[in-house]
Amino acid sequence: MAKRRKTEKKDVDADANPRTLGIGLMELPLAALEPNDHNRPIDETSPEFADLRESVKGAGVKVAIIARPHPAKPGKYEICDGERRWRAARQAGCLLVPVDVRPLGEGEARVVQALANLHREPLPPLEEGRMVAEFLDMHDGDAAAVAVEIGRTEHWVRTRAGIAKLSEKWRETIRRAQEPQDEDVTDPFATWTTAHLVQIARLPEKVQDALLADYNRNAWKLPKTAAALAEDLAERSRELRKAPWKLDDATLVRKAGSCASCTKRTAAQGTLFYERLDPEKVKKDDRCLDEKCWQRKLKAYEAAKIAKALEKHPNAPKIATSTTGPKDAFKYWEYTRAKKGDKDAVQAVVVAGPEKIGSTLWVKLKHKTPEAMRTPASPPLTPKKPSTPKEKLTALIDKLNADRDRAADEIGFKLIEDGEAHGLVLECPELDVVMALAGTIDTFYPYRQGAELRKEYKKLLGADLLALGGQLWKGVRAGALEIDGYPSVKTELILEAGGVSAKDIEAAAEKAVPEPEEIAGLKQQIAEDKKAPAKKSSRKGTKARRRGRKE
């Protein structure tokens, strides 16, 4: 019996002709099948593909490949689902595979293919977003129909399709993070999932790019989990119900229009932000997604309030209830709070600080004019043109040193960037040493106070310490090139520890900016002037001049 099966298999392999297996099912030669151009790339070197190949080699293809008659090549069939099985069978040496041939049109074939890809192993976020967006286009934007067909919720369909709205800079960042990496190099975005990208894609493109730039500058701020990202984005957005201006005011910043008609807010994209649309909740939670636009409107609103207050109190001085404010405003140390009716008390308009802008306070001024206004501006100094050989030599040497310093900076930065680009990971000291150096150079940690500092430390504790250390170390090495006059930091030692030789940079800078020939000439002229005997003045001539002045 076994021998008979072997003979039958030998006959089938030899003939390799199509054979009907049942209703719609056929056995077709591999050569009669062709892959679909719209299918996702298949990695034939992956362990998963190797396992599938061995399975097919031992037991054949058990699940039929779905195909349709090729629309452009008679006698051929286009694969709609099962390209991995077809490729594995080809490597396993099979000649015939089971195929479910269906009379599908172009749109129906794309639907079958999209469904197969979506229900297979987890897709990369960008690929999943692209497929869902295409699926949504096939159904003319009907998310409910797509949800029914693929067995997902309507909210899931809309959010996944929204990933296609990621800016090009974000797509490139995520693509780069998904590429195979060395063991010693960790891309901070490598752990980001679809849940992260869904939140980014809901933002306006300019806001997306500004957020990416901030995360690239400060890697320690990068949220690790999707929940942490949601918290960070909530802190960056603004609740519209707390806006001091009227949301339907289109004249505050005419170019921006009114907030009520703006699309850069959560309520305008409710299906992306809320799984169930509750009108009251959507209105209550409505947030502005464009922080820069919010700041422009806030500035315009405050300017209007100040102008209105000064119109009502034309002689009132301007005050700031903080350390910063306009030049013509009294800062908080230049006055004391008072009450109406107190001696020397005046009513002042608040133009900056935590107090309500445009409100008035009774104060006693310590001076008649603000400190910033009392100091006269110094006229710009006109540099004296060097006249003597010594002055000319000093000017040329100063210019030479400045040019070489700039060249050294460029060479140093290029050495670091080239090393990073070619995967030359420079040895990084302990994290606490790196953080101490970063704090000394002030590369990543500007001064913060109170709750804001505690909030940053909280984010830091949840950050990827390896990625944080790498970013800090890169900043320290770059910052060391710009150090000037730091007694507690040895620039050369930092550069040497970072794999960059300070002496090599200096030699390269001297070669790039050679010494002008004029310097040698001036040095020789000064030396000759020193050797030359000093000219003696005539006493007789001096006495004559004195007599002339007296006369």
Protein backbone atom coordinates (compact mmCIF):
# COMPACT_ATOMS: atom_id res chain seq x y z
CA MET A 1 0.00 0.00 0.00
CA ALA A 2 2.84 2.36 0.91
CA LYS A 3 4.55 1.46 -2.33
CA ARG A 4 1.38 2.32 -4.28
CA ARG A 5 1.13 5.76 -2.64
CA LYS A 6 4.74 6.41 -3.51
CA THR A 7 4.11 5.47 -7.16
CA GLU A 8 1.03 7.70 -7.32
CA LYS A 9 2.97 10.64 -5.89
CA LYS A 10 5.74 10.01 -8.38
CA ASP A 11 3.22 10.08 -11.26
CA VAL A 12 1.67 13.35 -10.00
CA ASP A 13 5.04 14.98 -9.60
CA ALA A 14 6.08 13.89 -13.02
CA ASP A 15 2.96 15.13 -14.76
CA ALA A 16 2.43 18.28 -12.56
CA ASN A 17 -0.88 18.86 -14.31
CA PRO A 18 -3.88 20.69 -12.79
CA ARG A 19 -6.32 18.41 -10.94
CA THR A 20 -9.78 19.16 -9.55
CA LEU A 21 -10.15 18.33 -5.84
CA GLY A 22 -13.72 19.50 -5.21
CA ILE A 23 -16.04 22.45 -5.66
CA GLY A 24 -13.75 25.40 -6.41
CA LEU A 25 -10.67 23.48 -5.28
CA MET A 26 -7.89 22.49 -7.67
CA GLU A 27 -4.32 21.31 -7.54
CA LEU A 28 -2.26 23.68 -9.66
CA PRO A 29 1.42 23.75 -10.59
CA LEU A 30 3.43 26.39 -8.72
CA ALA A 31 4.40 27.94 -12.04
CA ALA A 32 0.73 28.70 -12.77
CA LEU A 33 0.50 30.97 -9.72
CA GLU A 34 1.79 34.53 -9.47
CA PRO A 35 2.02 36.78 -6.37
CA ASN A 36 -0.09 39.92 -5.98
CA ASP A 37 1.72 43.26 -6.29
CA HIS A 38 -0.27 44.66 -3.35
CA ASN A 39 0.84 42.02 -0.85
CA ARG A 40 3.19 42.89 2.01
CA PRO A 41 6.87 41.89 1.69
CA ILE A 42 7.71 38.39 2.96
CA ASP A 43 10.96 37.69 4.80
CA GLU A 44 12.08 34.27 3.59
CA THR A 45 15.05 34.31 6.01
CA SER A 46 12.97 34.54 9.18
CA PRO A 47 12.72 31.59 11.63
CA GLU A 48 8.92 31.54 11.18
CA PHE A 49 9.28 31.07 7.42
CA ALA A 50 11.86 28.30 7.96
CA ASP A 51 9.39 26.45 10.22
CA LEU A 52 6.65 26.77 7.59
CA ARG A 53 9.00 25.45 4.87
CA GLU A 54 9.89 22.38 6.95
CA SER A 55 6.20 21.77 7.68
CA VAL A 56 5.33 21.93 3.97
CA LYS A 57 8.27 19.68 3.13
CA GLY A 58 7.00 17.02 5.52
CA ALA A 59 3.21 17.24 5.13
CA GLY A 60 2.56 19.45 2.10
CA VAL A 61 0.32 22.48 1.95
CA LYS A 62 -2.73 21.73 4.12
CA VAL A 63 -4.63 25.03 3.77
CA ALA A 64 -5.65 25.90 0.22
CA ILE A 65 -4.26 29.05 -1.38
CA ILE A 66 -6.97 31.50 -2.49
CA ALA A 67 -6.47 32.75 -6.04
CA ARG A 68 -8.38 34.18 -8.97
CA PRO A 69 -7.91 33.93 -12.74
CA HIS A 70 -5.19 36.43 -13.63
CA PRO A 71 -6.82 39.54 -15.18
CA ALA A 72 -3.95 40.10 -17.64
CA LYS A 73 -2.37 36.67 -18.19
CA PRO A 74 -4.63 33.87 -19.53
CA GLY A 75 -3.90 30.48 -18.00
CA LYS A 76 -2.33 32.08 -14.93
CA TYR A 77 -3.77 32.66 -11.46
CA GLU A 78 -3.14 35.60 -9.13
CA ILE A 79 -2.66 34.78 -5.43
CA CYS A 80 -5.06 36.66 -3.13
CA ASP A 81 -4.20 34.81 0.10
CA GLY A 82 -1.39 32.31 0.73
CA GLU A 83 1.74 33.76 -0.84
CA ARG A 84 3.85 32.55 2.13
CA ARG A 85 2.58 28.97 1.62
CA TRP A 86 3.29 29.25 -2.12
CA ARG A 87 6.87 30.43 -1.49
CA ALA A 88 7.45 27.77 1.16
CA ALA A 89 6.16 25.08 -1.22
CA ARG A 90 8.51 26.34 -3.92
CA GLN A 91 11.51 26.05 -1.57
CA ALA A 92 10.30 22.65 -0.31
CA GLY A 93 10.36 21.28 -3.87
CA CYS A 94 6.59 20.84 -4.35
CA LEU A 95 5.16 21.06 -7.85
CA LEU A 96 1.42 21.06 -7.07
CA VAL A 97 -0.44 22.95 -4.34
CA PRO A 98 -4.16 23.06 -3.42
CA VAL A 99 -5.80 26.26 -4.66
CA ASP A 100 -9.28 27.70 -4.04
CA VAL A 101 -10.00 29.46 -7.33
CA ARG A 102 -12.62 32.20 -7.05
CA PRO A 103 -14.01 34.54 -9.75
CA LEU A 104 -13.07 37.73 -7.88
CA GLY A 105 -13.01 41.27 -9.23
CA GLU A 106 -10.23 43.75 -8.40
CA GLY A 107 -12.02 45.21 -5.38
CA GLU A 108 -13.08 41.79 -4.04
CA ALA A 109 -9.53 40.47 -4.40
CA ARG A 110 -8.14 43.41 -2.42
CA VAL A 111 -10.71 42.77 0.33
CA VAL A 112 -9.72 39.09 0.60
CA GLN A 113 -6.05 40.05 0.72
CA ALA A 114 -6.58 42.78 3.33
CA LEU A 115 -8.60 40.44 5.56
CA ALA A 116 -5.94 37.75 5.34
CA ASN A 117 -3.17 40.18 6.28
CA LEU A 118 -5.12 41.75 9.15
CA HIS A 119 -5.94 38.39 10.74
CA ARG A 120 -2.44 37.00 10.39
CA GLU A 121 0.39 37.58 12.89
CA PRO A 122 0.67 41.14 14.33
CA LEU A 123 1.56 43.64 11.65
CA PRO A 124 4.01 46.54 12.07
CA PRO A 125 1.98 49.66 13.05
CA LEU A 126 2.62 51.55 9.80
CA GLU A 127 1.69 48.51 7.69
CA GLU A 128 -1.47 47.91 9.69
CA GLY A 129 -2.49 51.56 9.38
CA ARG A 130 -1.91 51.54 5.61
CA MET A 131 -4.00 48.40 5.11
CA VAL A 132 -6.91 49.61 7.22
CA ALA A 133 -6.86 52.97 5.40
CA GLU A 134 -6.98 51.16 2.04
CA PHE A 135 -9.79 48.95 3.31
CA LEU A 136 -11.69 52.06 4.39
CA ASP A 137 -11.20 53.59 0.93
CA MET A 138 -12.62 50.43 -0.68
CA HIS A 139 -15.79 50.97 1.36
CA ASP A 140 -15.99 54.70 0.55
CA GLY A 141 -15.09 55.71 4.10
CA ASP A 142 -17.84 53.64 5.74
CA ALA A 143 -16.06 52.64 8.98
CA ALA A 144 -19.14 50.76 10.23
CA ALA A 145 -19.15 48.47 7.17
CA VAL A 146 -15.43 47.81 7.50
CA ALA A 147 -15.83 47.06 11.21
CA VAL A 148 -18.50 44.45 10.49
CA GLU A 149 -16.45 42.81 7.76
CA ILE A 150 -13.19 42.48 9.72
CA GLY A 151 -14.77 41.89 13.12
CA ARG A 152 -13.51 45.06 14.83
CA THR A 153 -15.15 48.13 16.36
CA GLU A 154 -15.78 51.27 14.33
CA HIS A 155 -13.47 53.23 16.68
CA TRP A 156 -10.69 50.67 16.07
CA VAL A 157 -11.08 51.05 12.30
CA ARG A 158 -10.94 54.87 12.40
CA THR A 159 -7.96 55.08 14.74
CA ARG A 160 -5.92 52.49 12.80
CA ALA A 161 -6.71 54.19 9.50
CA GLY A 162 -5.68 57.47 11.12
CA ILE A 163 -2.08 56.21 11.39
CA ALA A 164 -1.82 56.95 7.67
CA LYS A 165 -1.99 60.65 8.67
CA LEU A 166 1.37 60.52 10.44
CA SER A 167 3.75 63.17 9.13
CA GLU A 168 6.61 62.06 6.90
CA LYS A 169 9.16 62.78 9.65
CA TRP A 170 7.31 60.50 12.05
CA ARG A 171 6.94 57.73 9.45
CA GLU A 172 10.66 57.87 8.71
CA THR A 173 11.47 57.75 12.44
CA ILE A 174 9.27 54.71 13.03
CA ARG A 175 10.57 52.92 9.92
CA ARG A 176 14.14 53.47 11.10
CA ALA A 177 13.27 52.20 14.60
CA GLN A 178 11.76 48.99 13.15
CA GLU A 179 14.93 48.10 11.23
CA PRO A 180 17.24 45.41 12.70
CA GLN A 181 19.67 46.98 15.18
CA ASP A 182 22.91 46.04 16.86
CA GLU A 183 22.71 44.63 20.37
CA ASP A 184 24.54 47.64 21.84
CA VAL A 185 22.30 50.21 20.10
CA THR A 186 18.73 50.81 21.23
CA ASP A 187 16.48 53.13 19.26
CA PRO A 188 14.21 54.87 21.79
CA PHE A 189 11.23 54.46 19.43
CA ALA A 190 11.81 50.71 18.88
CA THR A 191 9.33 49.81 21.64
CA TRP A 192 6.55 52.05 20.35
CA THR A 193 3.37 50.24 19.35
CA THR A 194 0.23 51.00 17.39
CA ALA A 195 -1.30 52.44 20.57
CA HIS A 196 1.44 55.10 20.60
CA LEU A 197 1.13 56.06 16.92
CA VAL A 198 -2.67 56.32 17.07
CA GLN A 199 -2.28 59.16 19.59
CA ILE A 200 0.37 60.99 17.54
CA ALA A 201 -1.58 60.69 14.27
CA ARG A 202 -4.55 62.56 15.77
CA LEU A 203 -2.46 65.73 16.07
CA PRO A 204 -2.02 68.36 13.31
CA GLU A 205 1.06 67.74 11.17
CA LYS A 206 3.00 70.80 12.43
CA VAL A 207 2.26 69.81 16.02
CA GLN A 208 3.47 66.26 15.28
CA ASP A 209 6.78 67.54 13.91
CA ALA A 210 7.29 69.95 16.83
CA LEU A 211 6.65 67.11 19.28
CA LEU A 212 9.12 64.82 17.49
CA ALA A 213 11.78 67.56 17.57
CA ASP A 214 11.26 67.96 21.32
CA TYR A 215 11.57 64.21 21.93
CA ASN A 216 14.75 64.05 19.80
CA ARG A 217 16.31 66.94 21.74
CA ASN A 218 15.32 65.49 25.12
CA ALA A 219 15.28 61.71 24.89
CA TRP A 220 14.62 61.41 28.62
CA LYS A 221 11.19 62.99 28.03
CA LEU A 222 10.14 60.26 25.59
CA PRO A 223 7.18 58.34 27.10
CA LYS A 224 7.80 54.61 27.25
CA THR A 225 4.20 53.37 27.50
CA ALA A 226 1.07 54.43 25.64
CA ALA A 227 -0.48 55.55 28.94
CA ALA A 228 2.54 57.77 29.67
CA LEU A 229 2.26 59.27 26.19
CA ALA A 230 -1.43 60.04 26.75
CA GLU A 231 -0.51 61.82 29.99
CA ASP A 232 2.23 63.83 28.27
CA LEU A 233 -0.04 64.87 25.39
CA ALA A 234 -2.75 65.91 27.87
CA GLU A 235 -0.24 68.21 29.61
CA ARG A 236 0.72 69.74 26.26
CA SER A 237 -2.88 70.40 25.18
CA ARG A 238 -5.21 73.08 26.58
CA GLU A 239 -8.78 72.72 27.85
CA LEU A 240 -10.90 75.05 25.74
CA ARG A 241 -13.45 75.56 28.52
CA LYS A 242 -10.68 77.30 30.49
CA ALA A 243 -9.87 79.76 27.69
CA PRO A 244 -10.39 83.35 28.92
CA TRP A 245 -11.62 84.48 25.49
CA LYS A 246 -14.90 83.63 23.73
CA LEU A 247 -14.53 80.50 21.63
CA ASP A 248 -16.65 81.92 18.80
CA ASP A 249 -14.50 85.09 18.53
CA ALA A 250 -12.99 85.05 15.03
CA THR A 251 -11.37 88.50 15.36
CA LEU A 252 -8.93 87.80 18.19
CA VAL A 253 -6.37 86.34 15.75
CA ARG A 254 -8.00 86.72 12.34
CA LYS A 255 -5.64 84.30 10.59
CA ALA A 256 -6.54 81.52 13.04
CA GLY A 257 -10.30 82.19 13.11
CA SER A 258 -12.53 81.11 15.97
CA CYS A 259 -11.84 78.12 18.22
CA ALA A 260 -15.42 76.89 17.74
CA SER A 261 -14.87 76.35 13.99
CA CYS A 262 -11.26 75.09 14.28
CA THR A 263 -10.48 71.49 13.32
CA LYS A 264 -7.39 71.31 15.55
CA ARG A 265 -9.34 70.31 18.64
CA THR A 266 -10.54 67.00 20.04
CA ALA A 267 -14.27 67.63 19.56
CA ALA A 268 -13.77 68.20 15.82
CA GLN A 269 -12.26 64.68 15.56
CA GLY A 270 -14.50 62.96 18.08
CA THR A 271 -14.47 59.57 16.36
CA LEU A 272 -10.68 59.43 16.75
CA PHE A 273 -10.64 60.41 20.42
CA TYR A 274 -13.79 58.75 21.78
CA GLU A 275 -15.07 55.22 21.32
CA ARG A 276 -18.59 56.33 22.23
CA LEU A 277 -19.67 59.83 21.32
CA ASP A 278 -21.33 61.43 24.34
CA PRO A 279 -22.01 65.05 23.25
CA GLU A 280 -21.80 66.43 26.78
CA LYS A 281 -18.52 64.64 27.54
CA VAL A 282 -17.01 65.61 24.19
CA LYS A 283 -17.88 69.28 24.76
CA LYS A 284 -16.60 69.22 28.36
CA ASP A 285 -13.30 67.54 27.45
CA ASP A 286 -12.72 69.58 24.27
CA ARG A 287 -9.02 70.43 24.02
CA CYS A 288 -6.91 72.61 21.73
CA LEU A 289 -4.25 70.49 19.99
CA ASP A 290 -2.17 73.42 18.70
CA GLU A 291 -0.27 74.89 21.65
CA LYS A 292 1.41 77.61 19.56
CA CYS A 293 -1.95 78.86 18.29
CA TRP A 294 -3.24 78.85 21.87
CA GLN A 295 -0.27 80.98 22.99
CA ARG A 296 -0.82 83.46 20.12
CA LYS A 297 -4.46 83.89 21.09
CA LEU A 298 -3.59 84.22 24.77
CA LYS A 299 -1.03 86.92 23.96
CA ALA A 300 -3.56 88.81 21.78
CA TYR A 301 -6.23 88.53 24.47
CA GLU A 302 -3.91 89.85 27.18
CA ALA A 303 -2.76 92.72 24.94
CA ALA A 304 -6.39 93.73 24.39
CA LYS A 305 -7.11 93.59 28.14
CA ILE A 306 -4.05 95.74 28.93
CA ALA A 307 -4.98 98.29 26.26
CA LYS A 308 -8.52 98.51 27.64
CA ALA A 309 -7.24 98.98 31.23
CA LEU A 310 -4.75 101.69 30.18
CA GLU A 311 -7.49 103.45 28.25
CA LYS A 312 -9.54 103.55 31.44
CA HIS A 313 -6.52 104.53 33.59
CA PRO A 314 -4.25 106.48 31.22
CA ASN A 315 -1.85 107.67 33.96
CA ALA A 316 -1.54 104.32 35.74
CA PRO A 317 1.94 102.74 35.82
CA LYS A 318 2.47 99.19 34.52
CA ILE A 319 3.54 96.49 36.97
CA ALA A 320 4.63 92.86 36.73
CA THR A 321 3.85 90.53 39.61
CA SER A 322 6.83 88.35 38.69
CA THR A 323 10.53 88.73 37.87
CA THR A 324 9.88 89.09 34.14
CA GLY A 325 7.81 91.52 32.14
CA PRO A 326 7.99 94.41 29.68
CA LYS A 327 10.86 96.89 30.00
CA ASP A 328 8.52 99.73 30.97
CA ALA A 329 6.86 97.73 33.79
CA PHE A 330 7.85 97.84 37.46
CA LYS A 331 8.97 94.39 38.66
CA TYR A 332 7.71 93.01 41.98
CA TRP A 333 10.76 94.25 43.96
CA GLU A 334 10.26 97.83 42.72
CA TYR A 335 6.99 98.37 44.58
CA THR A 336 5.04 97.29 47.64
CA ARG A 337 1.37 96.35 47.82
CA ALA A 338 -0.90 99.02 49.33
CA LYS A 339 -4.52 99.87 49.87
CA LYS A 340 -6.66 102.57 48.33
CA GLY A 341 -6.27 105.72 50.39
CA ASP A 342 -2.77 104.89 51.67
CA LYS A 343 -0.20 107.68 51.44
CA ASP A 344 1.65 107.68 48.08
CA ALA A 345 -0.47 104.74 46.86
CA VAL A 346 -1.20 104.66 43.11
CA GLN A 347 -3.40 102.41 41.01
CA ALA A 348 -1.31 100.28 38.62
CA VAL A 349 -2.21 97.97 35.73
CA VAL A 350 -0.93 94.38 35.83
CA VAL A 351 0.77 93.53 32.51
CA ALA A 352 2.66 90.33 33.45
CA GLY A 353 2.75 87.66 36.13
CA PRO A 354 0.36 85.24 37.80
CA GLU A 355 -2.17 87.95 38.66
CA LYS A 356 -5.04 88.53 36.23
CA ILE A 357 -3.67 90.46 33.25
CA GLY A 358 -5.37 93.84 32.77
CA SER A 359 -6.51 94.03 36.41
CA THR A 360 -5.47 96.90 38.70
CA LEU A 361 -3.64 96.91 42.04
CA TRP A 362 -2.87 99.67 44.54
CA VAL A 363 0.90 99.90 45.09
CA LYS A 364 3.63 102.20 46.41
CA LEU A 365 6.42 102.69 43.89
CA LYS A 366 10.01 102.82 45.16
CA HIS A 367 11.20 104.80 42.13
CA LYS A 368 9.68 107.12 39.57
CA THR A 369 10.73 104.95 36.63
CA PRO A 370 11.33 101.20 36.26
CA GLU A 371 14.88 99.98 36.78
CA ALA A 372 15.19 98.85 33.17
CA MET A 373 14.26 102.34 32.00
CA ARG A 374 16.65 104.17 34.36
CA THR A 375 19.81 102.67 32.87
CA PRO A 376 20.62 104.51 29.64
CA ALA A 377 21.46 102.29 26.73
CA SER A 378 25.15 102.29 25.91
CA PRO A 379 25.95 103.47 22.39
CA PRO A 380 27.44 100.78 20.19
CA LEU A 381 31.21 100.77 20.35
CA THR A 382 32.98 101.45 17.07
CA PRO A 383 36.01 99.20 16.93
CA LYS A 384 39.24 101.10 16.57
CA LYS A 385 41.03 100.30 13.35
CA PRO A 386 44.50 98.89 14.09
CA SER A 387 47.24 101.26 12.99
CA THR A 388 50.57 100.13 14.46
CA PRO A 389 52.24 96.84 13.45
CA LYS A 390 51.66 95.45 16.95
CA GLU A 391 47.92 96.24 16.83
CA LYS A 392 47.65 94.74 13.33
CA LEU A 393 49.43 91.57 14.49
CA THR A 394 47.12 91.21 17.52
CA ALA A 395 44.02 91.61 15.32
CA LEU A 396 45.25 89.01 12.82
CA ILE A 397 46.12 86.49 15.55
CA ASP A 398 42.69 86.98 17.20
CA LYS A 399 40.97 86.36 13.87
CA LEU A 400 43.14 83.30 13.19
CA ASN A 401 42.32 81.80 16.61
CA ALA A 402 38.58 82.46 16.12
CA ASP A 403 38.64 80.81 12.67
CA ARG A 404 40.50 77.81 14.04
CA ASP A 405 38.06 77.50 16.95
CA ARG A 406 35.15 77.38 14.51
CA ALA A 407 36.96 74.83 12.36
CA ALA A 408 37.70 72.70 15.45
CA ASP A 409 34.01 72.73 16.40
CA GLU A 410 32.96 71.59 12.93
CA ILE A 411 35.64 68.86 12.83
CA GLY A 412 34.76 67.64 16.32
CA PHE A 413 31.04 67.46 15.64
CA LYS A 414 31.67 65.67 12.34
CA LEU A 415 33.84 63.06 14.08
CA ILE A 416 31.05 62.37 16.56
CA GLU A 417 28.30 62.29 13.91
CA ASP A 418 30.34 60.03 11.58
CA GLY A 419 31.03 57.65 14.44
CA GLU A 420 27.31 57.47 15.31
CA ALA A 421 26.28 57.07 11.66
CA HIS A 422 28.61 54.11 11.12
CA GLY A 423 27.54 52.38 14.31
CA LEU A 424 30.80 53.11 16.15
CA VAL A 425 29.37 53.23 19.66
CA LEU A 426 31.82 55.09 21.87
CA GLU A 427 32.39 53.61 25.31
CA CYS A 428 30.02 55.28 27.79
CA PRO A 429 30.98 55.72 31.47
CA GLU A 430 28.61 54.94 34.33
CA LEU A 431 25.25 56.71 34.08
CA ASP A 432 25.82 58.78 37.22
CA VAL A 433 29.10 60.12 35.78
CA VAL A 434 27.37 61.03 32.53
CA MET A 435 24.56 62.80 34.39
CA ALA A 436 27.10 64.75 36.49
CA LEU A 437 28.94 65.87 33.35
CA ALA A 438 25.65 66.75 31.63
CA GLY A 439 24.65 68.85 34.64
CA THR A 440 28.03 70.63 34.66
CA ILE A 441 27.90 71.40 30.96
CA ASP A 442 24.16 72.16 31.21
CA THR A 443 23.50 70.13 28.09
CA PHE A 444 20.13 68.60 28.93
CA TYR A 445 19.08 69.84 32.35
CA PRO A 446 18.13 73.53 32.51
CA TYR A 447 17.36 74.86 35.98
CA ARG A 448 13.90 73.97 37.27
CA GLN A 449 12.06 74.61 40.51
CA GLY A 450 9.38 73.05 42.70
CA ALA A 451 6.68 70.86 41.23
CA GLU A 452 8.08 71.13 37.71
CA LEU A 453 11.40 69.61 38.83
CA ARG A 454 9.66 66.78 40.66
CA LYS A 455 7.54 66.08 37.57
CA GLU A 456 10.65 65.82 35.39
CA TYR A 457 12.34 63.44 37.83
CA LYS A 458 9.19 61.30 37.83
CA LYS A 459 9.37 61.02 34.04
CA LEU A 460 13.10 60.33 34.27
CA LEU A 461 12.57 57.36 36.59
CA GLY A 462 10.21 55.80 34.05
CA ALA A 463 12.54 56.40 31.10
CA ASP A 464 14.75 53.84 29.40
CA LEU A 465 18.03 54.38 31.28
CA LEU A 466 20.13 52.88 28.48
CA ALA A 467 18.63 55.23 25.91
CA LEU A 468 18.87 58.12 28.38
CA GLY A 469 22.55 57.42 29.05
CA GLY A 470 23.34 57.24 25.36
CA GLN A 471 21.61 60.54 24.61
CA LEU A 472 23.25 62.29 27.56
CA TRP A 473 26.69 60.96 26.64
CA LYS A 474 26.27 62.19 23.08
CA GLY A 475 25.29 65.60 24.42
CA VAL A 476 28.26 65.69 26.82
CA ARG A 477 30.73 64.91 24.05
CA ALA A 478 29.17 67.53 21.79
CA GLY A 479 28.94 70.09 24.62
CA ALA A 480 32.59 69.57 25.52
CA LEU A 481 33.57 71.09 22.18
CA GLU A 482 31.94 74.39 23.19
CA ILE A 483 33.28 74.66 26.76
CA ASP A 484 35.04 77.92 27.46
CA GLY A 485 36.26 78.72 30.94
CA TYR A 486 34.76 75.88 32.98
CA PRO A 487 37.34 75.29 35.76
CA SER A 488 35.63 72.11 37.00
CA VAL A 489 35.62 70.32 33.64
CA LYS A 490 38.63 69.13 31.68
CA THR A 491 37.64 69.46 28.05
CA GLU A 492 40.43 67.25 26.74
CA LEU A 493 39.65 64.45 29.21
CA ILE A 494 35.96 64.44 28.25
CA LEU A 495 36.79 64.33 24.56
CA GLU A 496 39.38 61.57 25.06
CA ALA A 497 36.90 59.53 27.11
CA GLY A 498 34.43 59.93 24.27
CA GLY A 499 36.88 58.52 21.75
CA VAL A 500 37.71 61.89 20.18
CA SER A 501 41.28 63.22 20.43
CA ALA A 502 41.43 66.93 21.27
CA LYS A 503 44.99 67.13 19.92
CA ASP A 504 43.93 65.58 16.61
CA ILE A 505 41.10 68.13 16.34
CA GLU A 506 43.52 70.98 17.05
CA ALA A 507 46.01 69.72 14.45
CA ALA A 508 43.24 69.29 11.86
CA ALA A 509 41.95 72.82 12.56
CA GLU A 510 45.47 74.28 12.11
CA LYS A 511 45.78 72.45 8.82
CA ALA A 512 42.35 73.63 7.67
CA VAL A 513 43.09 77.28 8.59
CA PRO A 514 46.78 78.00 7.85
CA GLU A 515 48.52 81.03 9.30
CA PRO A 516 48.45 84.05 6.94
CA GLU A 517 51.84 85.12 5.55
CA GLU A 518 51.14 88.66 6.78
CA ILE A 519 51.60 87.52 10.38
CA ALA A 520 55.20 86.44 9.76
CA GLY A 521 55.93 89.77 8.06
CA LEU A 522 54.49 91.77 10.98
CA LYS A 523 56.45 89.71 13.52
CA GLN A 524 59.67 90.40 11.59
CA GLN A 525 58.85 94.11 11.33
CA ILE A 526 58.21 94.37 15.10
CA ALA A 527 61.47 92.53 15.86
CA GLU A 528 63.44 94.89 13.60
CA ASP A 529 61.82 97.94 15.22
CA LYS A 530 62.95 96.70 18.64
CA LYS A 531 66.57 96.31 17.44
CA ALA A 532 66.68 99.75 15.78
CA PRO A 533 68.22 102.54 18.02
CA ALA A 534 65.73 105.03 19.40
CA LYS A 535 65.83 108.49 17.78
CA LYS A 536 67.27 111.24 20.04
CA SER A 537 65.36 114.48 20.18
CA SER A 538 67.26 117.75 19.80
CA ARG A 539 67.41 119.91 22.95
CA LYS A 540 67.83 122.96 20.85
CA GLY A 541 64.71 122.23 18.90
CA THR A 542 62.78 121.51 22.11
CA LYS A 543 63.78 124.84 23.68
CA ALA A 544 62.78 126.70 20.50
CA ARG A 545 59.37 125.06 20.53
CA ARG A 546 58.89 126.00 24.17
CA ARG A 547 59.76 129.63 23.44
CA GLY A 548 57.31 129.62 20.56
CA ARG A 549 54.50 128.39 22.84
CA LYS A 550 55.28 131.07 25.45
CA GLU A 551 55.25 133.79 22.81
